[in-house]
Amino acid sequence: MPKMKTKKAAAKRLRITGSGRVRRSKQGGNHGLSNKSRKRLRRLRKNDMVAKSFEKHFKRLLPYG
């Protein structure tokens, strides 16, 4: 049986945590930063979790995650 291929776009954006949840970074922190408040930018640095309803879909994209 051949190996399953990882979807590289998903691998660059998502990680599977030790408990099996899917971690992602928050959107909106790449450009146009000068008109966002410091408080808002500080919050964007932190990671976020994918909603439970989407986890199964994303884990399918990362078979060896």
PDB file of N, CA and C in Angstrom:
ATOM      1  N   MET A   1       0.847  -1.191   0.000  1.00  0.00           N
ATOM      2  CA  MET A   1       0.000   0.000   0.000  1.00  0.00           C
ATOM      3  C   MET A   1       0.888   1.248   0.000  1.00  0.00           C
ATOM      4  N   PRO A   2       0.654   2.193  -0.906  1.00  0.00           N
ATOM      5  CA  PRO A   2       1.496   3.398  -0.925  1.00  0.00           C
ATOM      6  C   PRO A   2       1.209   4.303   0.269  1.00  0.00           C
ATOM      7  N   LYS A   3       2.195   5.128   0.574  1.00  0.00           N
ATOM      8  CA  LYS A   3       2.013   6.091   1.659  1.00  0.00           C
ATOM      9  C   LYS A   3       0.986   7.144   1.259  1.00  0.00           C
ATOM     10  N   MET A   4       0.293   7.685   2.253  1.00  0.00           N
ATOM     11  CA  MET A   4      -0.640   8.779   1.985  1.00  0.00           C
ATOM     12  C   MET A   4       0.149  10.073   1.912  1.00  0.00           C
ATOM     13  N   LYS A   5      -0.272  10.975   1.061  1.00  0.00           N
ATOM     14  CA  LYS A   5       0.418  12.251   0.931  1.00  0.00           C
ATOM     15  C   LYS A   5      -0.208  13.291   1.851  1.00  0.00           C
ATOM     16  N   THR A   6       0.662  14.037   2.519  1.00  0.00           N
ATOM     17  CA  THR A   6       0.216  15.153   3.350  1.00  0.00           C
ATOM     18  C   THR A   6      -0.093  16.329   2.438  1.00  0.00           C
ATOM     19  N   LYS A   7      -1.187  17.040   2.725  1.00  0.00           N
ATOM     20  CA  LYS A   7      -1.492  18.272   1.995  1.00  0.00           C
ATOM     21  C   LYS A   7      -0.569  19.353   2.544  1.00  0.00           C
ATOM     22  N   LYS A   8       0.395  19.801   1.729  1.00  0.00           N
ATOM     23  CA  LYS A   8       1.444  20.696   2.212  1.00  0.00           C
ATOM     24  C   LYS A   8       0.910  22.056   2.645  1.00  0.00           C
ATOM     25  N   ALA A   9      -0.148  22.537   2.009  1.00  0.00           N
ATOM     26  CA  ALA A   9      -0.738  23.817   2.414  1.00  0.00           C
ATOM     27  C   ALA A   9      -1.250  23.728   3.847  1.00  0.00           C
ATOM     28  N   ALA A  10      -1.850  22.599   4.197  1.00  0.00           N
ATOM     29  CA  ALA A  10      -2.357  22.406   5.556  1.00  0.00           C
ATOM     30  C   ALA A  10      -1.203  22.239   6.541  1.00  0.00           C
ATOM     31  N   ALA A  11      -0.145  21.542   6.128  1.00  0.00           N
ATOM     32  CA  ALA A  11       0.999  21.305   7.007  1.00  0.00           C
ATOM     33  C   ALA A  11       1.691  22.614   7.388  1.00  0.00           C
ATOM     34  N   LYS A  12       1.666  23.593   6.489  1.00  0.00           N
ATOM     35  CA  LYS A  12       2.293  24.886   6.766  1.00  0.00           C
ATOM     36  C   LYS A  12       1.472  25.722   7.735  1.00  0.00           C
ATOM     37  N   ARG A  13       0.176  25.437   7.842  1.00  0.00           N
ATOM     38  CA  ARG A  13      -0.719  26.282   8.632  1.00  0.00           C
ATOM     39  C   ARG A  13      -1.204  25.648   9.925  1.00  0.00           C
ATOM     40  N   LEU A  14      -1.179  24.327  10.006  1.00  0.00           N
ATOM     41  CA  LEU A  14      -1.790  23.624  11.132  1.00  0.00           C
ATOM     42  C   LEU A  14      -0.801  22.677  11.796  1.00  0.00           C
ATOM     43  N   ARG A  15      -1.002  22.465  13.108  1.00  0.00           N
ATOM     44  CA  ARG A  15      -0.238  21.442  13.823  1.00  0.00           C
ATOM     45  C   ARG A  15      -1.188  20.667  14.717  1.00  0.00           C
ATOM     46  N   ILE A  16      -0.899  19.377  14.892  1.00  0.00           N
ATOM     47  CA  ILE A  16      -1.695  18.554  15.794  1.00  0.00           C
ATOM     48  C   ILE A  16      -1.011  18.591  17.158  1.00  0.00           C
ATOM     49  N   THR A  17      -1.772  18.895  18.200  1.00  0.00           N
ATOM     50  CA  THR A  17      -1.204  18.962  19.543  1.00  0.00           C
ATOM     51  C   THR A  17      -1.081  17.552  20.124  1.00  0.00           C
ATOM     52  N   GLY A  18      -0.450  17.456  21.265  1.00  0.00           N
ATOM     53  CA  GLY A  18      -0.277  16.163  21.925  1.00  0.00           C
ATOM     54  C   GLY A  18      -1.591  15.511  22.299  1.00  0.00           C
ATOM     55  N   SER A  19      -2.594  16.331  22.617  1.00  0.00           N
ATOM     56  CA  SER A  19      -3.904  15.787  23.000  1.00  0.00           C
ATOM     57  C   SER A  19      -4.788  15.494  21.789  1.00  0.00           C
ATOM     58  N   GLY A  20      -4.280  15.818  20.584  1.00  0.00           N
ATOM     59  CA  GLY A  20      -5.033  15.499  19.368  1.00  0.00           C
ATOM     60  C   GLY A  20      -5.867  16.635  18.815  1.00  0.00           C
ATOM     61  N   ARG A  21      -5.819  17.804  19.456  1.00  0.00           N
ATOM     62  CA  ARG A  21      -6.526  18.962  18.912  1.00  0.00           C
ATOM     63  C   ARG A  21      -5.706  19.549  17.770  1.00  0.00           C
ATOM     64  N   VAL A  22      -6.335  20.392  16.952  1.00  0.00           N
ATOM     65  CA  VAL A  22      -5.648  21.025  15.822  1.00  0.00           C
ATOM     66  C   VAL A  22      -5.404  22.484  16.165  1.00  0.00           C
ATOM     67  N   ARG A  23      -4.129  22.902  16.087  1.00  0.00           N
ATOM     68  CA  ARG A  23      -3.750  24.264  16.440  1.00  0.00           C
ATOM     69  C   ARG A  23      -3.488  25.064  15.176  1.00  0.00           C
ATOM     70  N   ARG A  24      -3.892  26.326  15.195  1.00  0.00           N
ATOM     71  CA  ARG A  24      -3.674  27.209  14.055  1.00  0.00           C
ATOM     72  C   ARG A  24      -3.293  28.585  14.577  1.00  0.00           C
ATOM     73  N   SER A  25      -2.694  29.415  13.714  1.00  0.00           N
ATOM     74  CA  SER A  25      -2.407  30.785  14.116  1.00  0.00           C
ATOM     75  C   SER A  25      -3.599  31.655  13.756  1.00  0.00           C
ATOM     76  N   LYS A  26      -3.718  32.787  14.423  1.00  0.00           N
ATOM     77  CA  LYS A  26      -4.846  33.680  14.175  1.00  0.00           C
ATOM     78  C   LYS A  26      -4.615  34.476  12.900  1.00  0.00           C
ATOM     79  N   GLN A  27      -5.698  34.799  12.215  1.00  0.00           N
ATOM     80  CA  GLN A  27      -5.601  35.530  10.954  1.00  0.00           C
ATOM     81  C   GLN A  27      -5.521  37.029  11.199  1.00  0.00           C
ATOM     82  N   GLY A  28      -4.927  37.736  10.237  1.00  0.00           N
ATOM     83  CA  GLY A  28      -4.938  39.188  10.287  1.00  0.00           C
ATOM     84  C   GLY A  28      -3.661  39.819  10.786  1.00  0.00           C
ATOM     85  N   GLY A  29      -2.588  39.051  10.913  1.00  0.00           N
ATOM     86  CA  GLY A  29      -1.356  39.612  11.458  1.00  0.00           C
ATOM     87  C   GLY A  29      -0.229  39.749  10.467  1.00  0.00           C
ATOM     88  N   ASN A  30      -0.537  39.872   9.184  1.00  0.00           N
ATOM     89  CA  ASN A  30       0.530  39.924   8.184  1.00  0.00           C
ATOM     90  C   ASN A  30       0.769  41.299   7.573  1.00  0.00           C
ATOM     91  N   HIS A  31      -0.271  42.019   7.249  1.00  0.00           N
ATOM     92  CA  HIS A  31      -0.065  43.341   6.638  1.00  0.00           C
ATOM     93  C   HIS A  31      -1.106  44.312   7.151  1.00  0.00           C
ATOM     94  N   GLY A  32      -0.881  45.600   6.913  1.00  0.00           N
ATOM     95  CA  GLY A  32      -1.777  46.625   7.428  1.00  0.00           C
ATOM     96  C   GLY A  32      -1.698  46.721   8.938  1.00  0.00           C
ATOM     97  N   LEU A  33      -0.493  46.524   9.471  1.00  0.00           N
ATOM     98  CA  LEU A  33      -0.335  46.438  10.925  1.00  0.00           C
ATOM     99  C   LEU A  33      -0.330  47.809  11.595  1.00  0.00           C
ATOM    100  N   SER A  34      -0.032  48.845  10.824  1.00  0.00           N
ATOM    101  CA  SER A  34       0.097  50.174  11.441  1.00  0.00           C
ATOM    102  C   SER A  34      -1.243  50.718  11.933  1.00  0.00           C
ATOM    103  N   ASN A  35      -2.350  50.282  11.353  1.00  0.00           N
ATOM    104  CA  ASN A  35      -3.642  50.771  11.822  1.00  0.00           C
ATOM    105  C   ASN A  35      -4.375  49.779  12.730  1.00  0.00           C
ATOM    106  N   LYS A  36      -3.640  48.785  13.254  1.00  0.00           N
ATOM    107  CA  LYS A  36      -4.178  47.892  14.272  1.00  0.00           C
ATOM    108  C   LYS A  36      -3.531  48.262  15.599  1.00  0.00           C
ATOM    109  N   SER A  37      -4.315  48.182  16.667  1.00  0.00           N
ATOM    110  CA  SER A  37      -3.795  48.595  17.971  1.00  0.00           C
ATOM    111  C   SER A  37      -2.736  47.600  18.457  1.00  0.00           C
ATOM    112  N   ARG A  38      -1.876  48.067  19.351  1.00  0.00           N
ATOM    113  CA  ARG A  38      -0.835  47.203  19.929  1.00  0.00           C
ATOM    114  C   ARG A  38      -1.476  46.021  20.658  1.00  0.00           C
ATOM    115  N   LYS A  39      -2.575  46.300  21.347  1.00  0.00           N
ATOM    116  CA  LYS A  39      -3.285  45.257  22.092  1.00  0.00           C
ATOM    117  C   LYS A  39      -3.788  44.163  21.144  1.00  0.00           C
ATOM    118  N   ARG A  40      -4.322  44.598  20.014  1.00  0.00           N
ATOM    119  CA  ARG A  40      -4.841  43.655  19.016  1.00  0.00           C
ATOM    120  C   ARG A  40      -3.713  42.814  18.427  1.00  0.00           C
ATOM    121  N   LEU A  41      -2.569  43.449  18.125  1.00  0.00           N
ATOM    122  CA  LEU A  41      -1.434  42.724  17.556  1.00  0.00           C
ATOM    123  C   LEU A  41      -0.865  41.725  18.557  1.00  0.00           C
ATOM    124  N   ARG A  42      -0.869  42.089  19.826  1.00  0.00           N
ATOM    125  CA  ARG A  42      -0.374  41.194  20.872  1.00  0.00           C
ATOM    126  C   ARG A  42      -1.244  39.941  20.946  1.00  0.00           C
ATOM    127  N   ARG A  43      -2.548  40.108  20.808  1.00  0.00           N
ATOM    128  CA  ARG A  43      -3.456  38.962  20.834  1.00  0.00           C
ATOM    129  C   ARG A  43      -3.282  38.075  19.609  1.00  0.00           C
ATOM    130  N   LEU A  44      -2.931  38.679  18.475  1.00  0.00           N
ATOM    131  CA  LEU A  44      -2.768  37.908  17.240  1.00  0.00           C
ATOM    132  C   LEU A  44      -1.542  36.994  17.281  1.00  0.00           C
ATOM    133  N   ARG A  45      -0.583  37.295  18.162  1.00  0.00           N
ATOM    134  CA  ARG A  45       0.612  36.453  18.262  1.00  0.00           C
ATOM    135  C   ARG A  45       0.292  35.070  18.802  1.00  0.00           C
ATOM    136  N   LYS A  46      -0.733  34.985  19.629  1.00  0.00           N
ATOM    137  CA  LYS A  46      -1.069  33.714  20.277  1.00  0.00           C
ATOM    138  C   LYS A  46      -1.719  32.761  19.280  1.00  0.00           C
ATOM    139  N   ASN A  47      -1.586  31.480  19.562  1.00  0.00           N
ATOM    140  CA  ASN A  47      -2.213  30.472  18.707  1.00  0.00           C
ATOM    141  C   ASN A  47      -3.661  30.267  19.113  1.00  0.00           C
ATOM    142  N   ASP A  48      -4.395  29.650  18.215  1.00  0.00           N
ATOM    143  CA  ASP A  48      -5.812  29.403  18.433  1.00  0.00           C
ATOM    144  C   ASP A  48      -6.082  27.944  18.087  1.00  0.00           C
ATOM    145  N   MET A  49      -7.180  27.417  18.554  1.00  0.00           N
ATOM    146  CA  MET A  49      -7.555  26.043  18.227  1.00  0.00           C
ATOM    147  C   MET A  49      -8.643  26.046  17.161  1.00  0.00           C
ATOM    148  N   VAL A  50      -8.603  25.036  16.312  1.00  0.00           N
ATOM    149  CA  VAL A  50      -9.639  24.859  15.296  1.00  0.00           C
ATOM    150  C   VAL A  50     -10.895  24.368  16.006  1.00  0.00           C
ATOM    151  N   ALA A  51     -12.064  24.777  15.536  1.00  0.00           N
ATOM    152  CA  ALA A  51     -13.334  24.352  16.121  1.00  0.00           C
ATOM    153  C   ALA A  51     -13.472  22.831  16.031  1.00  0.00           C
ATOM    154  N   LYS A  52     -14.107  22.260  17.032  1.00  0.00           N
ATOM    155  CA  LYS A  52     -14.280  20.794  17.084  1.00  0.00           C
ATOM    156  C   LYS A  52     -14.939  20.240  15.829  1.00  0.00           C
ATOM    157  N   SER A  53     -15.881  21.004  15.269  1.00  0.00           N
ATOM    158  CA  SER A  53     -16.622  20.531  14.099  1.00  0.00           C
ATOM    159  C   SER A  53     -15.731  20.401  12.864  1.00  0.00           C
ATOM    160  N   PHE A  54     -14.587  21.127  12.828  1.00  0.00           N
ATOM    161  CA  PHE A  54     -13.684  21.066  11.673  1.00  0.00           C
ATOM    162  C   PHE A  54     -12.508  20.124  11.877  1.00  0.00           C
ATOM    163  N   GLU A  55     -12.320  19.643  13.090  1.00  0.00           N
ATOM    164  CA  GLU A  55     -11.120  18.859  13.393  1.00  0.00           C
ATOM    165  C   GLU A  55     -10.970  17.618  12.514  1.00  0.00           C
ATOM    166  N   LYS A  56     -12.038  16.888  12.311  1.00  0.00           N
ATOM    167  CA  LYS A  56     -11.979  15.656  11.513  1.00  0.00           C
ATOM    168  C   LYS A  56     -11.518  15.965  10.086  1.00  0.00           C
ATOM    169  N   HIS A  57     -12.031  17.057   9.532  1.00  0.00           N
ATOM    170  CA  HIS A  57     -11.674  17.472   8.172  1.00  0.00           C
ATOM    171  C   HIS A  57     -10.185  17.786   8.073  1.00  0.00           C
ATOM    172  N   PHE A  58      -9.651  18.529   9.051  1.00  0.00           N
ATOM    173  CA  PHE A  58      -8.246  18.922   8.993  1.00  0.00           C
ATOM    174  C   PHE A  58      -7.305  17.763   9.280  1.00  0.00           C
ATOM    175  N   LYS A  59      -7.728  16.848  10.120  1.00  0.00           N
ATOM    176  CA  LYS A  59      -6.882  15.682  10.409  1.00  0.00           C
ATOM    177  C   LYS A  59      -6.747  14.779   9.181  1.00  0.00           C
ATOM    178  N   ARG A  60      -7.746  14.801   8.320  1.00  0.00           N
ATOM    179  CA  ARG A  60      -7.681  14.038   7.071  1.00  0.00           C
ATOM    180  C   ARG A  60      -6.611  14.614   6.144  1.00  0.00           C
ATOM    181  N   LEU A  61      -6.386  15.914   6.220  1.00  0.00           N
ATOM    182  CA  LEU A  61      -5.356  16.556   5.388  1.00  0.00           C
ATOM    183  C   LEU A  61      -3.945  16.279   5.900  1.00  0.00           C
ATOM    184  N   LEU A  62      -3.843  15.929   7.197  1.00  0.00           N
ATOM    185  CA  LEU A  62      -2.557  15.669   7.838  1.00  0.00           C
ATOM    186  C   LEU A  62      -2.528  14.235   8.361  1.00  0.00           C
ATOM    187  N   PRO A  63      -2.375  13.246   7.471  1.00  0.00           N
ATOM    188  CA  PRO A  63      -2.486  11.862   7.914  1.00  0.00           C
ATOM    189  C   PRO A  63      -1.425  11.435   8.907  1.00  0.00           C
ATOM    190  N   TYR A  64      -0.258  12.079   8.904  1.00  0.00           N
ATOM    191  CA  TYR A  64       0.814  11.689   9.839  1.00  0.00           C
ATOM    192  C   TYR A  64       1.054  12.770  10.874  1.00  0.00           C
ATOM    193  N   GLY A  65       0.058  13.636  11.095  1.00  0.00           N
ATOM    194  CA  GLY A  65       0.189  14.755  12.014  1.00  0.00           C
ATOM    195  C   GLY A  65       0.370  14.289  13.433  1.00  0.00           C
TER     196      GLY A  65
END
